[in-house]
Amino acid sequence: MSQTTKNIKSTTNESNKQGFVFQKINYQLLILSLIVTAVGFLLMMGTEDIYSFTKITLAPIVVVAGFALGFVAILYKPKNKIN
């Protein structure tokens, strides 16, 4: 019985040491993707004519790049350092 108690305690200690789901780099990439997406929407909102290059071509590319960067930020798994 003491053997099973030790196994249960060891698994609970391992789960407590895990911490956050994402690393610091994931959060930095996510914030960067939000900024890039916001810049894309601001470009789309410009005061120029409706058929300008900025609104029709550049802004959608920037928005899609921001969404893609957000996708990468969620899926990116940094390599673990061995101490």
N, C-alpha and C. Protein backbone atom coordinates (compact mmCIF):
# COMPACT_ATOMS: atom_id res chain seq x y z
N MET A 1 0.82 -1.19 0.00
CA MET A 1 0.00 0.00 0.00
C MET A 1 0.86 1.26 0.00
N SER A 2 1.97 1.23 0.71
CA SER A 2 2.83 2.41 0.74
C SER A 2 3.44 2.67 -0.64
N GLN A 3 3.63 1.60 -1.43
CA GLN A 3 4.16 1.75 -2.78
C GLN A 3 3.20 2.57 -3.65
N THR A 4 1.91 2.29 -3.58
CA THR A 4 0.94 3.04 -4.38
C THR A 4 0.82 4.48 -3.90
N THR A 5 0.96 4.70 -2.59
CA THR A 5 0.91 6.06 -2.06
C THR A 5 2.08 6.87 -2.57
N LYS A 6 3.26 6.26 -2.65
CA LYS A 6 4.43 6.96 -3.17
C LYS A 6 4.25 7.30 -4.65
N ASN A 7 3.65 6.38 -5.41
CA ASN A 7 3.41 6.63 -6.83
C ASN A 7 2.44 7.79 -7.02
N ILE A 8 1.41 7.85 -6.22
CA ILE A 8 0.43 8.93 -6.32
C ILE A 8 1.08 10.26 -5.95
N LYS A 9 1.89 10.27 -4.89
CA LYS A 9 2.55 11.51 -4.49
C LYS A 9 3.53 11.99 -5.55
N SER A 10 4.26 11.06 -6.17
CA SER A 10 5.23 11.47 -7.19
C SER A 10 4.54 12.05 -8.42
N THR A 11 3.38 11.49 -8.80
CA THR A 11 2.69 12.04 -9.96
C THR A 11 2.07 13.40 -9.65
N THR A 12 1.61 13.63 -8.44
CA THR A 12 1.06 14.94 -8.11
C THR A 12 2.16 15.98 -8.02
N ASN A 13 3.35 15.61 -7.55
CA ASN A 13 4.46 16.56 -7.50
C ASN A 13 4.91 16.94 -8.90
N GLU A 14 4.91 15.98 -9.83
CA GLU A 14 5.31 16.28 -11.20
C GLU A 14 4.30 17.21 -11.87
N SER A 15 3.03 17.03 -11.59
CA SER A 15 2.03 17.90 -12.21
C SER A 15 2.06 19.30 -11.62
N ASN A 16 2.47 19.47 -10.38
CA ASN A 16 2.56 20.79 -9.77
C ASN A 16 3.74 21.59 -10.31
N LYS A 17 4.78 20.94 -10.79
CA LYS A 17 5.97 21.62 -11.26
C LYS A 17 5.84 22.11 -12.69
N GLN A 18 4.76 21.81 -13.37
CA GLN A 18 4.64 22.14 -14.78
C GLN A 18 4.54 23.63 -15.04
N GLY A 19 3.81 24.38 -14.27
CA GLY A 19 3.72 25.83 -14.45
C GLY A 19 2.77 26.21 -15.56
N PHE A 20 3.15 27.25 -16.33
CA PHE A 20 2.30 27.77 -17.40
C PHE A 20 2.30 26.83 -18.60
N VAL A 21 1.26 26.95 -19.39
CA VAL A 21 1.16 26.13 -20.60
C VAL A 21 2.16 26.60 -21.64
N PHE A 22 2.28 27.92 -21.81
CA PHE A 22 3.19 28.48 -22.81
C PHE A 22 4.43 29.06 -22.13
N GLN A 23 5.48 29.18 -22.92
CA GLN A 23 6.71 29.81 -22.46
C GLN A 23 6.65 31.30 -22.78
N LYS A 24 7.69 32.02 -22.36
CA LYS A 24 7.74 33.46 -22.57
C LYS A 24 7.72 33.83 -24.06
N ILE A 25 8.43 33.04 -24.87
CA ILE A 25 8.49 33.33 -26.31
C ILE A 25 7.12 33.20 -26.96
N ASN A 26 6.29 32.27 -26.47
CA ASN A 26 4.94 32.13 -27.02
C ASN A 26 4.11 33.39 -26.78
N TYR A 27 4.20 33.93 -25.58
CA TYR A 27 3.45 35.15 -25.27
C TYR A 27 3.97 36.34 -26.07
N GLN A 28 5.29 36.40 -26.26
CA GLN A 28 5.84 37.50 -27.06
C GLN A 28 5.38 37.42 -28.51
N LEU A 29 5.37 36.21 -29.06
CA LEU A 29 4.90 36.04 -30.43
C LEU A 29 3.40 36.35 -30.54
N LEU A 30 2.63 35.99 -29.53
CA LEU A 30 1.20 36.27 -29.56
C LEU A 30 0.92 37.78 -29.51
N ILE A 31 1.66 38.49 -28.68
CA ILE A 31 1.50 39.95 -28.62
C ILE A 31 1.92 40.59 -29.94
N LEU A 32 3.02 40.08 -30.51
CA LEU A 32 3.46 40.60 -31.82
C LEU A 32 2.41 40.34 -32.90
N SER A 33 1.78 39.18 -32.85
CA SER A 33 0.73 38.90 -33.85
C SER A 33 -0.47 39.81 -33.68
N LEU A 34 -0.82 40.14 -32.44
CA LEU A 34 -1.92 41.08 -32.22
C LEU A 34 -1.58 42.47 -32.77
N ILE A 35 -0.34 42.89 -32.59
CA ILE A 35 0.09 44.19 -33.09
C ILE A 35 0.07 44.21 -34.62
N VAL A 36 0.59 43.15 -35.24
CA VAL A 36 0.61 43.08 -36.71
C VAL A 36 -0.80 43.08 -37.27
N THR A 37 -1.71 42.33 -36.63
CA THR A 37 -3.10 42.30 -37.08
C THR A 37 -3.76 43.67 -36.93
N ALA A 38 -3.49 44.35 -35.83
CA ALA A 38 -4.06 45.68 -35.62
C ALA A 38 -3.54 46.67 -36.66
N VAL A 39 -2.26 46.58 -36.99
CA VAL A 39 -1.70 47.46 -38.03
C VAL A 39 -2.36 47.18 -39.37
N GLY A 40 -2.62 45.91 -39.65
CA GLY A 40 -3.32 45.57 -40.90
C GLY A 40 -4.71 46.17 -40.97
N PHE A 41 -5.44 46.10 -39.87
CA PHE A 41 -6.78 46.69 -39.86
C PHE A 41 -6.72 48.22 -39.93
N LEU A 42 -5.70 48.82 -39.33
CA LEU A 42 -5.56 50.27 -39.45
C LEU A 42 -5.23 50.67 -40.89
N LEU A 43 -4.42 49.86 -41.57
CA LEU A 43 -4.14 50.15 -42.98
C LEU A 43 -5.40 50.02 -43.82
N MET A 44 -6.25 49.08 -43.47
CA MET A 44 -7.49 48.88 -44.21
C MET A 44 -8.47 50.03 -43.99
N MET A 45 -8.31 50.72 -42.88
CA MET A 45 -9.23 51.78 -42.51
C MET A 45 -8.79 53.15 -43.04
N GLY A 46 -7.72 53.23 -43.76
CA GLY A 46 -7.14 54.49 -44.20
C GLY A 46 -8.13 55.45 -44.85
N THR A 47 -7.70 56.68 -45.05
CA THR A 47 -8.59 57.73 -45.57
C THR A 47 -8.46 57.89 -47.09
N GLU A 48 -7.65 57.07 -47.73
CA GLU A 48 -7.48 57.18 -49.17
C GLU A 48 -8.72 56.64 -49.89
N ASP A 49 -8.67 56.68 -51.20
CA ASP A 49 -9.81 56.16 -51.97
C ASP A 49 -9.97 54.65 -51.74
N ILE A 50 -11.14 54.15 -52.03
CA ILE A 50 -11.47 52.77 -51.68
C ILE A 50 -10.70 51.74 -52.50
N TYR A 51 -10.23 52.11 -53.68
CA TYR A 51 -9.53 51.17 -54.55
C TYR A 51 -8.01 51.36 -54.52
N SER A 52 -7.48 51.84 -53.43
CA SER A 52 -6.03 52.05 -53.36
C SER A 52 -5.31 50.73 -53.11
N PHE A 53 -4.04 50.69 -53.45
CA PHE A 53 -3.21 49.51 -53.25
C PHE A 53 -3.15 49.11 -51.78
N THR A 54 -3.11 50.11 -50.91
CA THR A 54 -2.99 49.84 -49.47
C THR A 54 -4.20 49.08 -48.95
N LYS A 55 -5.39 49.51 -49.34
CA LYS A 55 -6.61 48.88 -48.83
C LYS A 55 -6.91 47.53 -49.48
N ILE A 56 -6.61 47.42 -50.76
CA ILE A 56 -7.01 46.22 -51.50
C ILE A 56 -5.97 45.10 -51.37
N THR A 57 -4.69 45.44 -51.33
CA THR A 57 -3.66 44.41 -51.39
C THR A 57 -2.83 44.32 -50.12
N LEU A 58 -2.27 45.43 -49.70
CA LEU A 58 -1.32 45.41 -48.59
C LEU A 58 -1.98 45.07 -47.25
N ALA A 59 -3.08 45.70 -46.94
CA ALA A 59 -3.74 45.49 -45.64
C ALA A 59 -4.20 44.04 -45.45
N PRO A 60 -4.84 43.41 -46.42
CA PRO A 60 -5.22 42.01 -46.21
C PRO A 60 -4.03 41.07 -46.03
N ILE A 61 -2.94 41.35 -46.73
CA ILE A 61 -1.73 40.52 -46.56
C ILE A 61 -1.18 40.68 -45.15
N VAL A 62 -1.16 41.89 -44.63
CA VAL A 62 -0.66 42.14 -43.27
C VAL A 62 -1.57 41.47 -42.23
N VAL A 63 -2.88 41.52 -42.43
CA VAL A 63 -3.82 40.89 -41.50
C VAL A 63 -3.63 39.38 -41.50
N VAL A 64 -3.53 38.78 -42.68
CA VAL A 64 -3.33 37.33 -42.76
C VAL A 64 -1.99 36.94 -42.15
N ALA A 65 -0.96 37.75 -42.34
CA ALA A 65 0.33 37.48 -41.72
C ALA A 65 0.23 37.54 -40.19
N GLY A 66 -0.56 38.47 -39.68
CA GLY A 66 -0.76 38.56 -38.23
C GLY A 66 -1.48 37.34 -37.68
N PHE A 67 -2.51 36.86 -38.41
CA PHE A 67 -3.21 35.65 -37.99
C PHE A 67 -2.30 34.43 -38.06
N ALA A 68 -1.48 34.35 -39.10
CA ALA A 68 -0.54 33.23 -39.24
C ALA A 68 0.48 33.25 -38.11
N LEU A 69 0.94 34.43 -37.74
CA LEU A 69 1.90 34.54 -36.64
C LEU A 69 1.25 34.13 -35.32
N GLY A 70 -0.02 34.43 -35.14
CA GLY A 70 -0.74 33.97 -33.95
C GLY A 70 -0.85 32.46 -33.91
N PHE A 71 -1.09 31.86 -35.06
CA PHE A 71 -1.15 30.40 -35.16
C PHE A 71 0.20 29.78 -34.79
N VAL A 72 1.28 30.37 -35.30
CA VAL A 72 2.62 29.90 -34.97
C VAL A 72 2.92 30.09 -33.49
N ALA A 73 2.46 31.19 -32.92
CA ALA A 73 2.70 31.46 -31.50
C ALA A 73 2.05 30.41 -30.61
N ILE A 74 0.90 29.92 -31.02
CA ILE A 74 0.22 28.89 -30.22
C ILE A 74 0.91 27.54 -30.38
N LEU A 75 1.35 27.21 -31.57
CA LEU A 75 1.91 25.89 -31.82
C LEU A 75 3.41 25.77 -31.55
N TYR A 76 4.12 26.88 -31.41
CA TYR A 76 5.57 26.86 -31.24
C TYR A 76 5.92 26.22 -29.89
N LYS A 77 6.83 25.26 -29.93
CA LYS A 77 7.29 24.61 -28.71
C LYS A 77 8.81 24.80 -28.61
N PRO A 78 9.26 25.62 -27.65
CA PRO A 78 10.69 25.87 -27.53
C PRO A 78 11.43 24.61 -27.08
N LYS A 79 12.68 24.52 -27.47
CA LYS A 79 13.50 23.37 -27.07
C LYS A 79 13.84 23.50 -25.59
N ASN A 80 13.81 22.37 -24.88
CA ASN A 80 14.13 22.36 -23.45
C ASN A 80 15.62 22.39 -23.24
N LYS A 81 16.06 23.17 -22.28
CA LYS A 81 17.48 23.23 -21.92
C LYS A 81 17.77 22.12 -20.91
N ILE A 82 18.84 21.39 -21.13
CA ILE A 82 19.24 20.33 -20.18
C ILE A 82 20.26 20.91 -19.23
N ASN A 83 19.92 20.92 -17.95
CA ASN A 83 20.84 21.48 -16.94
C ASN A 83 21.74 20.42 -16.38
